[in-house]
Amino acid sequence: MDNLLYFPNITVPKTDWIYKSLLYWDGVETITPESYLREPNLFEGRHMLDFLEAELVVPVMPMNYIYKFVH
């Protein structure tokens, strides 16, 4: 699956950019602290929760990749 990495913010803005990007990419990944996954209300805006629920935005936790690399 080909995803776009959105950086530097955790919350993807609700703009035309996101909708146009989803026409070309399977989804959008955003670097997300683990605490946001435990408390989704930390994300800014209801649209972000909708994107996550529809799996259009996928949270990526760098610790998962660091752990795999080290071990």
C-alpha atoms as a PDB file:
ATOM      1  CA  MET A   1       0.000   0.000   0.000  1.00  0.00           C
ATOM      2  CA  ASP A   2       1.352   3.427  -0.922  1.00  0.00           C
ATOM      3  CA  ASN A   3       0.780   6.056   1.731  1.00  0.00           C
ATOM      4  CA  LEU A   4       1.778   9.675   1.978  1.00  0.00           C
ATOM      5  CA  LEU A   5       3.614  10.765   5.149  1.00  0.00           C
ATOM      6  CA  TYR A   6       2.193  13.994   6.558  1.00  0.00           C
ATOM      7  CA  PHE A   7       4.721  15.941   8.620  1.00  0.00           C
ATOM      8  CA  PRO A   8       5.353  17.945  10.914  1.00  0.00           C
ATOM      9  CA  ASN A   9       1.939  18.091  12.597  1.00  0.00           C
ATOM     10  CA  ILE A  10       0.061  15.197  14.158  1.00  0.00           C
ATOM     11  CA  THR A  11      -3.364  16.341  12.994  1.00  0.00           C
ATOM     12  CA  VAL A  12      -3.922  16.484   9.252  1.00  0.00           C
ATOM     13  CA  PRO A  13      -5.647  19.767   8.311  1.00  0.00           C
ATOM     14  CA  LYS A  14      -9.132  19.694   6.843  1.00  0.00           C
ATOM     15  CA  THR A  15      -8.301  21.312   3.519  1.00  0.00           C
ATOM     16  CA  ASP A  16      -8.656  20.561  -0.176  1.00  0.00           C
ATOM     17  CA  TRP A  17      -5.093  19.232  -0.037  1.00  0.00           C
ATOM     18  CA  ILE A  18      -6.077  16.144   1.969  1.00  0.00           C
ATOM     19  CA  TYR A  19      -8.960  15.244  -0.318  1.00  0.00           C
ATOM     20  CA  LYS A  20      -6.878  15.713  -3.467  1.00  0.00           C
ATOM     21  CA  SER A  21      -4.032  13.685  -1.958  1.00  0.00           C
ATOM     22  CA  LEU A  22      -6.364  10.777  -1.262  1.00  0.00           C
ATOM     23  CA  LEU A  23      -7.173  10.627  -4.978  1.00  0.00           C
ATOM     24  CA  TYR A  24      -3.540   9.662  -5.645  1.00  0.00           C
ATOM     25  CA  TRP A  25      -2.480   7.865  -2.475  1.00  0.00           C
ATOM     26  CA  ASP A  26      -4.034   4.941  -0.604  1.00  0.00           C
ATOM     27  CA  GLY A  27      -3.875   6.845   2.664  1.00  0.00           C
ATOM     28  CA  VAL A  28      -1.999   9.381   4.741  1.00  0.00           C
ATOM     29  CA  GLU A  29       0.320   8.454   7.601  1.00  0.00           C
ATOM     30  CA  THR A  30       1.074  10.839  10.423  1.00  0.00           C
ATOM     31  CA  ILE A  31       3.749  10.500  13.100  1.00  0.00           C
ATOM     32  CA  THR A  32       1.768  10.050  16.290  1.00  0.00           C
ATOM     33  CA  PRO A  33       2.758   9.692  19.954  1.00  0.00           C
ATOM     34  CA  GLU A  34       1.366   6.631  21.700  1.00  0.00           C
ATOM     35  CA  SER A  35      -0.649   8.828  24.069  1.00  0.00           C
ATOM     36  CA  TYR A  36      -2.813   9.978  21.147  1.00  0.00           C
ATOM     37  CA  LEU A  37      -3.793   6.392  20.416  1.00  0.00           C
ATOM     38  CA  ARG A  38      -4.847   5.877  24.028  1.00  0.00           C
ATOM     39  CA  GLU A  39      -6.783   9.179  24.029  1.00  0.00           C
ATOM     40  CA  PRO A  40      -8.003   9.967  20.496  1.00  0.00           C
ATOM     41  CA  ASN A  41      -9.638  13.178  21.735  1.00  0.00           C
ATOM     42  CA  LEU A  42      -6.143  14.698  21.816  1.00  0.00           C
ATOM     43  CA  PHE A  43      -6.361  15.000  18.020  1.00  0.00           C
ATOM     44  CA  GLU A  44      -7.506  18.446  16.922  1.00  0.00           C
ATOM     45  CA  GLY A  45     -10.895  18.449  15.217  1.00  0.00           C
ATOM     46  CA  ARG A  46     -13.641  15.924  14.662  1.00  0.00           C
ATOM     47  CA  HIS A  47     -12.491  15.472  11.050  1.00  0.00           C
ATOM     48  CA  MET A  48      -9.306  13.778  12.252  1.00  0.00           C
ATOM     49  CA  LEU A  49     -11.297  11.205  14.227  1.00  0.00           C
ATOM     50  CA  ASP A  50     -13.408  10.579  11.116  1.00  0.00           C
ATOM     51  CA  PHE A  51     -10.260  10.113   8.987  1.00  0.00           C
ATOM     52  CA  LEU A  52      -8.853   7.655  11.538  1.00  0.00           C
ATOM     53  CA  GLU A  53     -12.108   5.719  11.776  1.00  0.00           C
ATOM     54  CA  ALA A  54     -12.277   5.421   7.970  1.00  0.00           C
ATOM     55  CA  GLU A  55      -8.584   4.398   7.964  1.00  0.00           C
ATOM     56  CA  LEU A  56      -7.759   7.233   5.565  1.00  0.00           C
ATOM     57  CA  VAL A  57      -5.209   8.483   8.087  1.00  0.00           C
ATOM     58  CA  VAL A  58      -2.942   5.915   9.703  1.00  0.00           C
ATOM     59  CA  PRO A  59      -0.989   6.791  12.855  1.00  0.00           C
ATOM     60  CA  VAL A  60       2.683   5.801  12.761  1.00  0.00           C
ATOM     61  CA  MET A  61       4.661   5.420  15.971  1.00  0.00           C
ATOM     62  CA  PRO A  62       8.429   5.712  15.417  1.00  0.00           C
ATOM     63  CA  MET A  63       9.121   3.587  18.508  1.00  0.00           C
ATOM     64  CA  ASN A  64       7.723   0.562  16.681  1.00  0.00           C
ATOM     65  CA  TYR A  65      10.306   0.977  13.938  1.00  0.00           C
ATOM     66  CA  ILE A  66      13.174   1.740  16.306  1.00  0.00           C
ATOM     67  CA  TYR A  67      12.384  -1.384  18.332  1.00  0.00           C
ATOM     68  CA  LYS A  68      12.373  -3.551  15.186  1.00  0.00           C
ATOM     69  CA  PHE A  69      15.685  -2.058  14.068  1.00  0.00           C
ATOM     70  CA  VAL A  70      17.420  -2.580  17.426  1.00  0.00           C
ATOM     71  CA  HIS A  71      16.106  -6.111  18.047  1.00  0.00           C
END
